[in-house]
């Protein structure tokens, strides 16, 4: 059985690795997720601020919330002007109706829907929007599929359940490519919760298999920079009147 609590808690000590290895998100996805105008945005499960910085770069007022103090320490270093608070989807440290949009990147599958949905609705203004986003490796490419096998964690579509008081959920997919060198690829692998929780010897053995993949696969061998294709899955829903 997967220990969700242990997985969630694992990210804090690995915050710097997470920041170095994880990709950002395509601008087109954020265009689609956010409502028009100048919405006040909550980045829920903000981590080290991968999505937060893209929101802030648009000049939008954004607040970050994450359960890990280690992750928020990294976020505050990168984005010192962004309010950042400890909290969860089930217990948000924000007043009622204080934001116009809540975005949640790579994290909605962790939440307790029975508590997270009404709590998210509480902090949203009337008609406010909840947006969900995940970067998934595109395993239609052979080397990416083999990477998933090494990780023992093939990519699968993520849960986008929301429900009342939100209206129907809309979906959109964006395809793009993240370019990274060998060190950042290892950081990407090392930042996975599954890998973080491995015993040291098993983690090193797994990383050795990744090194071997980069040295032997025809799409990677001899290259300094790798093109890692992603499928970014998005979902959005608005509060019903």
C-alpha atoms as a PDB file:
ATOM      1  CA  UNK A   1       0.000   0.000   0.000  1.00  0.00           C
ATOM      2  CA  UNK A   2       1.279   3.481  -0.868  1.00  0.00           C
ATOM      3  CA  UNK A   3       1.950   5.600   2.219  1.00  0.00           C
ATOM      4  CA  UNK A   4       0.516   8.931   1.031  1.00  0.00           C
ATOM      5  CA  UNK A   5       1.449  10.776   4.220  1.00  0.00           C
ATOM      6  CA  UNK A   6       5.068   9.680   3.981  1.00  0.00           C
ATOM      7  CA  UNK A   7       5.202  10.616   0.308  1.00  0.00           C
ATOM      8  CA  UNK A   8       3.774  14.070   0.965  1.00  0.00           C
ATOM      9  CA  UNK A   9       6.153  14.684   3.865  1.00  0.00           C
ATOM     10  CA  UNK A  10       9.169  13.594   1.823  1.00  0.00           C
ATOM     11  CA  UNK A  11       9.254  16.719  -0.355  1.00  0.00           C
ATOM     12  CA  UNK A  12      10.414  19.166   2.322  1.00  0.00           C
ATOM     13  CA  UNK A  13      13.953  17.798   2.825  1.00  0.00           C
ATOM     14  CA  UNK A  14      14.341  17.515  -0.962  1.00  0.00           C
ATOM     15  CA  UNK A  15      13.172  21.073  -1.732  1.00  0.00           C
ATOM     16  CA  UNK A  16      16.421  22.209  -3.377  1.00  0.00           C
ATOM     17  CA  UNK A  17      16.508  19.073  -5.557  1.00  0.00           C
ATOM     18  CA  UNK A  18      12.857  19.581  -6.474  1.00  0.00           C
ATOM     19  CA  UNK A  19      13.553  23.190  -7.448  1.00  0.00           C
ATOM     20  CA  UNK A  20      16.536  22.210  -9.592  1.00  0.00           C
ATOM     21  CA  UNK A  21      14.939  19.265 -11.355  1.00  0.00           C
ATOM     22  CA  UNK A  22      11.253  19.925 -11.869  1.00  0.00           C
ATOM     23  CA  UNK A  23      10.090  21.762 -15.002  1.00  0.00           C
ATOM     24  CA  UNK A  24       7.840  24.794 -15.156  1.00  0.00           C
ATOM     25  CA  UNK A  25       4.534  24.916 -17.047  1.00  0.00           C
ATOM     26  CA  UNK A  26       3.626  26.078 -20.557  1.00  0.00           C
ATOM     27  CA  UNK A  27       2.262  29.622 -20.738  1.00  0.00           C
ATOM     28  CA  UNK A  28      -0.674  28.434 -22.841  1.00  0.00           C
ATOM     29  CA  UNK A  29      -1.849  26.202 -19.999  1.00  0.00           C
ATOM     30  CA  UNK A  30      -1.850  29.089 -17.552  1.00  0.00           C
ATOM     31  CA  UNK A  31      -3.688  31.261 -20.097  1.00  0.00           C
ATOM     32  CA  UNK A  32      -6.419  28.634 -20.158  1.00  0.00           C
ATOM     33  CA  UNK A  33      -6.569  27.993 -16.412  1.00  0.00           C
ATOM     34  CA  UNK A  34      -6.793  31.584 -15.171  1.00  0.00           C
ATOM     35  CA  UNK A  35      -9.911  33.740 -15.549  1.00  0.00           C
ATOM     36  CA  UNK A  36      -9.580  36.914 -17.621  1.00  0.00           C
ATOM     37  CA  UNK A  37      -8.669  40.277 -16.144  1.00  0.00           C
ATOM     38  CA  UNK A  38      -6.538  40.676 -13.046  1.00  0.00           C
ATOM     39  CA  UNK A  39      -7.618  37.866 -10.739  1.00  0.00           C
ATOM     40  CA  UNK A  40      -6.278  37.413  -7.219  1.00  0.00           C
ATOM     41  CA  UNK A  41      -4.706  33.948  -7.299  1.00  0.00           C
ATOM     42  CA  UNK A  42      -3.966  31.296  -4.692  1.00  0.00           C
ATOM     43  CA  UNK A  43      -1.312  28.766  -5.687  1.00  0.00           C
ATOM     44  CA  UNK A  44      -2.328  25.745  -3.618  1.00  0.00           C
ATOM     45  CA  UNK A  45       0.382  23.171  -2.965  1.00  0.00           C
ATOM     46  CA  UNK A  46       2.824  25.711  -4.369  1.00  0.00           C
ATOM     47  CA  UNK A  47       5.960  23.759  -3.488  1.00  0.00           C
ATOM     48  CA  UNK A  48       9.060  25.714  -4.445  1.00  0.00           C
ATOM     49  CA  UNK A  49       7.029  28.096  -6.600  1.00  0.00           C
ATOM     50  CA  UNK A  50       7.337  26.621 -10.082  1.00  0.00           C
ATOM     51  CA  UNK A  51       3.850  27.816 -11.007  1.00  0.00           C
ATOM     52  CA  UNK A  52       3.817  30.742  -8.568  1.00  0.00           C
ATOM     53  CA  UNK A  53       6.620  32.542 -10.416  1.00  0.00           C
ATOM     54  CA  UNK A  54       4.745  32.284 -13.726  1.00  0.00           C
ATOM     55  CA  UNK A  55       1.680  33.856 -12.122  1.00  0.00           C
ATOM     56  CA  UNK A  56       3.739  36.586 -10.462  1.00  0.00           C
ATOM     57  CA  UNK A  57       5.516  37.303 -13.753  1.00  0.00           C
ATOM     58  CA  UNK A  58       2.130  38.294 -15.197  1.00  0.00           C
ATOM     59  CA  UNK A  59       1.834  40.996 -12.571  1.00  0.00           C
ATOM     60  CA  UNK A  60      -1.026  39.200 -10.827  1.00  0.00           C
ATOM     61  CA  UNK A  61      -1.460  39.240  -7.047  1.00  0.00           C
ATOM     62  CA  UNK A  62      -0.624  35.698  -5.905  1.00  0.00           C
ATOM     63  CA  UNK A  63      -0.444  33.936  -2.555  1.00  0.00           C
ATOM     64  CA  UNK A  64       1.331  30.606  -2.059  1.00  0.00           C
ATOM     65  CA  UNK A  65       0.176  27.862   0.325  1.00  0.00           C
ATOM     66  CA  UNK A  66       1.973  24.569   0.956  1.00  0.00           C
ATOM     67  CA  UNK A  67       2.142  22.099   3.875  1.00  0.00           C
ATOM     68  CA  UNK A  68       5.948  21.898   3.758  1.00  0.00           C
ATOM     69  CA  UNK A  69       8.022  24.581   5.448  1.00  0.00           C
ATOM     70  CA  UNK A  70      11.069  23.290   3.563  1.00  0.00           C
ATOM     71  CA  UNK A  71       9.385  23.857   0.216  1.00  0.00           C
ATOM     72  CA  UNK A  72       8.171  27.326   1.231  1.00  0.00           C
ATOM     73  CA  UNK A  73      11.670  28.274   2.389  1.00  0.00           C
ATOM     74  CA  UNK A  74      12.865  27.641  -1.165  1.00  0.00           C
ATOM     75  CA  UNK A  75       9.876  29.537  -2.582  1.00  0.00           C
ATOM     76  CA  UNK A  76      10.540  32.558  -0.355  1.00  0.00           C
ATOM     77  CA  UNK A  77      14.167  32.575  -1.494  1.00  0.00           C
ATOM     78  CA  UNK A  78      13.125  32.672  -5.153  1.00  0.00           C
ATOM     79  CA  UNK A  79      10.041  34.888  -4.698  1.00  0.00           C
ATOM     80  CA  UNK A  80      10.643  37.081  -1.645  1.00  0.00           C
ATOM     81  CA  UNK A  81       7.729  39.383  -2.444  1.00  0.00           C
ATOM     82  CA  UNK A  82       5.051  36.673  -2.595  1.00  0.00           C
ATOM     83  CA  UNK A  83       3.025  35.944   0.568  1.00  0.00           C
ATOM     84  CA  UNK A  84       3.630  32.298   1.490  1.00  0.00           C
ATOM     85  CA  UNK A  85       1.801  30.364   4.212  1.00  0.00           C
ATOM     86  CA  UNK A  86       1.767  26.883   5.685  1.00  0.00           C
ATOM     87  CA  UNK A  87      -1.554  25.229   4.941  1.00  0.00           C
ATOM     88  CA  UNK A  88      -3.393  22.471   3.108  1.00  0.00           C
ATOM     89  CA  UNK A  89      -6.332  22.206   0.738  1.00  0.00           C
ATOM     90  CA  UNK A  90      -8.424  21.070   3.700  1.00  0.00           C
ATOM     91  CA  UNK A  91      -7.343  23.981   5.939  1.00  0.00           C
ATOM     92  CA  UNK A  92      -6.537  27.151   4.015  1.00  0.00           C
ATOM     93  CA  UNK A  93      -5.115  30.113   5.974  1.00  0.00           C
ATOM     94  CA  UNK A  94      -7.074  32.674   3.940  1.00  0.00           C
ATOM     95  CA  UNK A  95     -10.259  34.671   4.617  1.00  0.00           C
ATOM     96  CA  UNK A  96     -13.577  33.925   2.928  1.00  0.00           C
ATOM     97  CA  UNK A  97     -13.909  35.147  -0.680  1.00  0.00           C
ATOM     98  CA  UNK A  98     -10.337  36.490  -0.691  1.00  0.00           C
ATOM     99  CA  UNK A  99      -9.198  35.155  -4.104  1.00  0.00           C
ATOM    100  CA  UNK A 100     -10.703  34.869  -7.567  1.00  0.00           C
ATOM    101  CA  UNK A 101      -8.817  31.765  -8.679  1.00  0.00           C
ATOM    102  CA  UNK A 102      -7.209  28.779  -6.986  1.00  0.00           C
ATOM    103  CA  UNK A 103      -4.649  26.837  -9.010  1.00  0.00           C
ATOM    104  CA  UNK A 104      -3.222  23.525  -7.882  1.00  0.00           C
ATOM    105  CA  UNK A 105      -0.197  22.066  -9.674  1.00  0.00           C
ATOM    106  CA  UNK A 106       0.846  18.409  -9.299  1.00  0.00           C
ATOM    107  CA  UNK A 107      -1.082  18.098  -6.021  1.00  0.00           C
ATOM    108  CA  UNK A 108      -4.857  17.633  -6.341  1.00  0.00           C
ATOM    109  CA  UNK A 109      -4.487  13.829  -6.219  1.00  0.00           C
ATOM    110  CA  UNK A 110      -3.200  14.227  -2.619  1.00  0.00           C
ATOM    111  CA  UNK A 111      -6.282  15.991  -1.251  1.00  0.00           C
ATOM    112  CA  UNK A 112      -9.283  14.788   0.722  1.00  0.00           C
ATOM    113  CA  UNK A 113     -12.060  15.874  -1.628  1.00  0.00           C
ATOM    114  CA  UNK A 114     -14.770  15.888   1.029  1.00  0.00           C
ATOM    115  CA  UNK A 115     -12.932  18.689   2.862  1.00  0.00           C
ATOM    116  CA  UNK A 116     -10.820  20.286   0.131  1.00  0.00           C
ATOM    117  CA  UNK A 117     -13.686  21.140  -2.228  1.00  0.00           C
ATOM    118  CA  UNK A 118     -15.787  23.161   0.264  1.00  0.00           C
ATOM    119  CA  UNK A 119     -12.656  24.774   1.726  1.00  0.00           C
ATOM    120  CA  UNK A 120     -11.514  25.866  -1.736  1.00  0.00           C
ATOM    121  CA  UNK A 121     -15.001  27.204  -2.455  1.00  0.00           C
ATOM    122  CA  UNK A 122     -14.906  29.163   0.818  1.00  0.00           C
ATOM    123  CA  UNK A 123     -11.877  31.258  -0.143  1.00  0.00           C
ATOM    124  CA  UNK A 124     -13.115  31.936  -3.688  1.00  0.00           C
ATOM    125  CA  UNK A 125     -15.126  34.973  -4.711  1.00  0.00           C
ATOM    126  CA  UNK A 126     -18.571  34.327  -6.295  1.00  0.00           C
ATOM    127  CA  UNK A 127     -18.083  32.641  -9.658  1.00  0.00           C
ATOM    128  CA  UNK A 128     -14.398  31.987  -8.814  1.00  0.00           C
ATOM    129  CA  UNK A 129     -12.414  29.321 -10.604  1.00  0.00           C
ATOM    130  CA  UNK A 130     -10.455  26.246  -9.522  1.00  0.00           C
ATOM    131  CA  UNK A 131      -7.739  25.140 -11.944  1.00  0.00           C
ATOM    132  CA  UNK A 132      -5.760  21.893 -11.802  1.00  0.00           C
ATOM    133  CA  UNK A 133      -2.573  21.140 -13.719  1.00  0.00           C
ATOM    134  CA  UNK A 134      -0.142  18.239 -14.024  1.00  0.00           C
ATOM    135  CA  UNK A 135       3.002  17.755 -16.071  1.00  0.00           C
ATOM    136  CA  UNK A 136       3.112  14.121 -17.226  1.00  0.00           C
ATOM    137  CA  UNK A 137       6.042  12.649 -19.101  1.00  0.00           C
ATOM    138  CA  UNK A 138       5.041  11.745 -22.668  1.00  0.00           C
ATOM    139  CA  UNK A 139       5.713   8.010 -22.642  1.00  0.00           C
ATOM    140  CA  UNK A 140       4.826   7.549 -26.294  1.00  0.00           C
ATOM    141  CA  UNK A 141       8.580   8.212 -26.730  1.00  0.00           C
ATOM    142  CA  UNK A 142      10.631   5.076 -26.110  1.00  0.00           C
ATOM    143  CA  UNK A 143      13.308   6.547 -23.838  1.00  0.00           C
ATOM    144  CA  UNK A 144      10.691   8.325 -21.736  1.00  0.00           C
ATOM    145  CA  UNK A 145       8.732   5.077 -21.363  1.00  0.00           C
ATOM    146  CA  UNK A 146      11.922   3.306 -20.267  1.00  0.00           C
ATOM    147  CA  UNK A 147      12.591   6.063 -17.745  1.00  0.00           C
ATOM    148  CA  UNK A 148       9.142   5.422 -16.279  1.00  0.00           C
ATOM    149  CA  UNK A 149       9.963   1.722 -16.035  1.00  0.00           C
ATOM    150  CA  UNK A 150      13.189   2.505 -14.163  1.00  0.00           C
ATOM    151  CA  UNK A 151      11.204   4.693 -11.778  1.00  0.00           C
ATOM    152  CA  UNK A 152       8.626   1.909 -11.410  1.00  0.00           C
ATOM    153  CA  UNK A 153       6.149   4.736 -11.868  1.00  0.00           C
ATOM    154  CA  UNK A 154       4.561   4.924 -15.319  1.00  0.00           C
ATOM    155  CA  UNK A 155       2.575   8.087 -15.961  1.00  0.00           C
ATOM    156  CA  UNK A 156      -1.205   7.826 -15.747  1.00  0.00           C
ATOM    157  CA  UNK A 157      -3.967  10.427 -16.170  1.00  0.00           C
ATOM    158  CA  UNK A 158      -4.637  12.216 -12.881  1.00  0.00           C
ATOM    159  CA  UNK A 159      -7.893  12.448 -10.958  1.00  0.00           C
ATOM    160  CA  UNK A 160      -9.833  15.625 -11.722  1.00  0.00           C
ATOM    161  CA  UNK A 161     -12.851  15.075  -9.462  1.00  0.00           C
ATOM    162  CA  UNK A 162     -14.236  18.312  -8.044  1.00  0.00           C
ATOM    163  CA  UNK A 163     -18.035  18.313  -7.705  1.00  0.00           C
ATOM    164  CA  UNK A 164     -20.513  20.778  -6.114  1.00  0.00           C
ATOM    165  CA  UNK A 165     -20.558  23.677  -5.472  1.00  0.00           C
ATOM    166  CA  UNK A 166     -18.432  23.818  -8.630  1.00  0.00           C
ATOM    167  CA  UNK A 167     -19.956  23.399 -12.051  1.00  0.00           C
ATOM    168  CA  UNK A 168     -18.875  21.044 -14.838  1.00  0.00           C
ATOM    169  CA  UNK A 169     -15.163  20.300 -15.221  1.00  0.00           C
ATOM    170  CA  UNK A 170     -13.520  21.283 -18.506  1.00  0.00           C
ATOM    171  CA  UNK A 171     -10.325  19.591 -19.708  1.00  0.00           C
ATOM    172  CA  UNK A 172      -7.472  20.612 -21.977  1.00  0.00           C
ATOM    173  CA  UNK A 173      -4.114  19.044 -22.878  1.00  0.00           C
ATOM    174  CA  UNK A 174      -0.944  20.898 -23.893  1.00  0.00           C
ATOM    175  CA  UNK A 175       2.142  19.230 -25.366  1.00  0.00           C
ATOM    176  CA  UNK A 176       5.602  20.732 -25.016  1.00  0.00           C
ATOM    177  CA  UNK A 177       9.262  19.853 -24.508  1.00  0.00           C
ATOM    178  CA  UNK A 178      11.493  20.553 -21.524  1.00  0.00           C
ATOM    179  CA  UNK A 179      15.232  20.710 -22.240  1.00  0.00           C
ATOM    180  CA  UNK A 180      17.552  19.667 -19.434  1.00  0.00           C
ATOM    181  CA  UNK A 181      21.107  18.460 -18.928  1.00  0.00           C
ATOM    182  CA  UNK A 182      22.207  15.273 -17.190  1.00  0.00           C
ATOM    183  CA  UNK A 183      22.469  16.827 -13.719  1.00  0.00           C
ATOM    184  CA  UNK A 184      18.951  18.231 -13.942  1.00  0.00           C
ATOM    185  CA  UNK A 185      17.617  14.907 -15.198  1.00  0.00           C
ATOM    186  CA  UNK A 186      19.096  13.221 -12.124  1.00  0.00           C
ATOM    187  CA  UNK A 187      17.573  15.959  -9.953  1.00  0.00           C
ATOM    188  CA  UNK A 188      14.207  15.366 -11.624  1.00  0.00           C
ATOM    189  CA  UNK A 189      14.417  11.656 -10.838  1.00  0.00           C
ATOM    190  CA  UNK A 190      15.736  12.263  -7.310  1.00  0.00           C
ATOM    191  CA  UNK A 191      12.841  14.637  -6.535  1.00  0.00           C
ATOM    192  CA  UNK A 192      10.210  11.930  -6.990  1.00  0.00           C
ATOM    193  CA  UNK A 193       8.655  10.988  -3.649  1.00  0.00           C
ATOM    194  CA  UNK A 194       9.092   7.299  -4.468  1.00  0.00           C
ATOM    195  CA  UNK A 195      12.827   7.808  -4.997  1.00  0.00           C
ATOM    196  CA  UNK A 196      13.284  10.058  -1.956  1.00  0.00           C
ATOM    197  CA  UNK A 197      11.904   7.317   0.300  1.00  0.00           C
ATOM    198  CA  UNK A 198      14.158   4.541  -1.039  1.00  0.00           C
ATOM    199  CA  UNK A 199      17.040   3.239   1.094  1.00  0.00           C
ATOM    200  CA  UNK A 200      20.347   4.808   0.023  1.00  0.00           C
ATOM    201  CA  UNK A 201      21.664   1.742  -1.767  1.00  0.00           C
ATOM    202  CA  UNK A 202      18.455   1.248  -3.739  1.00  0.00           C
ATOM    203  CA  UNK A 203      18.351   4.936  -4.677  1.00  0.00           C
ATOM    204  CA  UNK A 204      21.931   4.808  -5.980  1.00  0.00           C
ATOM    205  CA  UNK A 205      21.159   1.660  -7.962  1.00  0.00           C
ATOM    206  CA  UNK A 206      18.170   3.383  -9.548  1.00  0.00           C
ATOM    207  CA  UNK A 207      20.233   6.461 -10.431  1.00  0.00           C
ATOM    208  CA  UNK A 208      22.861   4.188 -11.973  1.00  0.00           C
ATOM    209  CA  UNK A 209      20.161   2.755 -14.245  1.00  0.00           C
ATOM    210  CA  UNK A 210      19.231   6.288 -15.308  1.00  0.00           C
ATOM    211  CA  UNK A 211      22.899   7.017 -16.076  1.00  0.00           C
ATOM    212  CA  UNK A 212      23.061   3.842 -18.152  1.00  0.00           C
ATOM    213  CA  UNK A 213      19.926   4.887 -20.059  1.00  0.00           C
ATOM    214  CA  UNK A 214      21.462   8.252 -20.966  1.00  0.00           C
ATOM    215  CA  UNK A 215      24.682   6.561 -22.122  1.00  0.00           C
ATOM    216  CA  UNK A 216      23.135   3.793 -24.213  1.00  0.00           C
ATOM    217  CA  UNK A 217      19.763   4.904 -25.608  1.00  0.00           C
ATOM    218  CA  UNK A 218      20.134   6.209 -29.193  1.00  0.00           C
ATOM    219  CA  UNK A 219      17.992   9.264 -28.430  1.00  0.00           C
ATOM    220  CA  UNK A 220      20.285  10.281 -25.552  1.00  0.00           C
ATOM    221  CA  UNK A 221      23.799   8.863 -26.015  1.00  0.00           C
ATOM    222  CA  UNK A 222      26.449  11.493 -26.659  1.00  0.00           C
ATOM    223  CA  UNK A 223      24.123  14.417 -25.959  1.00  0.00           C
ATOM    224  CA  UNK A 224      24.712  17.166 -23.413  1.00  0.00           C
ATOM    225  CA  UNK A 225      21.081  18.302 -23.393  1.00  0.00           C
ATOM    226  CA  UNK A 226      18.032  16.035 -23.462  1.00  0.00           C
ATOM    227  CA  UNK A 227      14.605  16.920 -24.838  1.00  0.00           C
ATOM    228  CA  UNK A 228      12.015  15.552 -22.409  1.00  0.00           C
ATOM    229  CA  UNK A 229       8.503  15.706 -23.911  1.00  0.00           C
ATOM    230  CA  UNK A 230       5.577  16.433 -21.616  1.00  0.00           C
ATOM    231  CA  UNK A 231       1.825  16.226 -21.767  1.00  0.00           C
ATOM    232  CA  UNK A 232       0.373  18.904 -19.493  1.00  0.00           C
ATOM    233  CA  UNK A 233      -3.134  17.946 -18.384  1.00  0.00           C
ATOM    234  CA  UNK A 234      -5.395  20.755 -17.191  1.00  0.00           C
ATOM    235  CA  UNK A 235      -8.860  20.906 -15.702  1.00  0.00           C
ATOM    236  CA  UNK A 236     -10.963  23.871 -14.570  1.00  0.00           C
ATOM    237  CA  UNK A 237     -14.332  24.480 -12.970  1.00  0.00           C
ATOM    238  CA  UNK A 238     -16.098  27.578 -11.652  1.00  0.00           C
ATOM    239  CA  UNK A 239     -18.363  28.086  -8.689  1.00  0.00           C
ATOM    240  CA  UNK A 240     -21.991  27.910  -9.671  1.00  0.00           C
ATOM    241  CA  UNK A 241     -24.275  30.832  -8.841  1.00  0.00           C
END
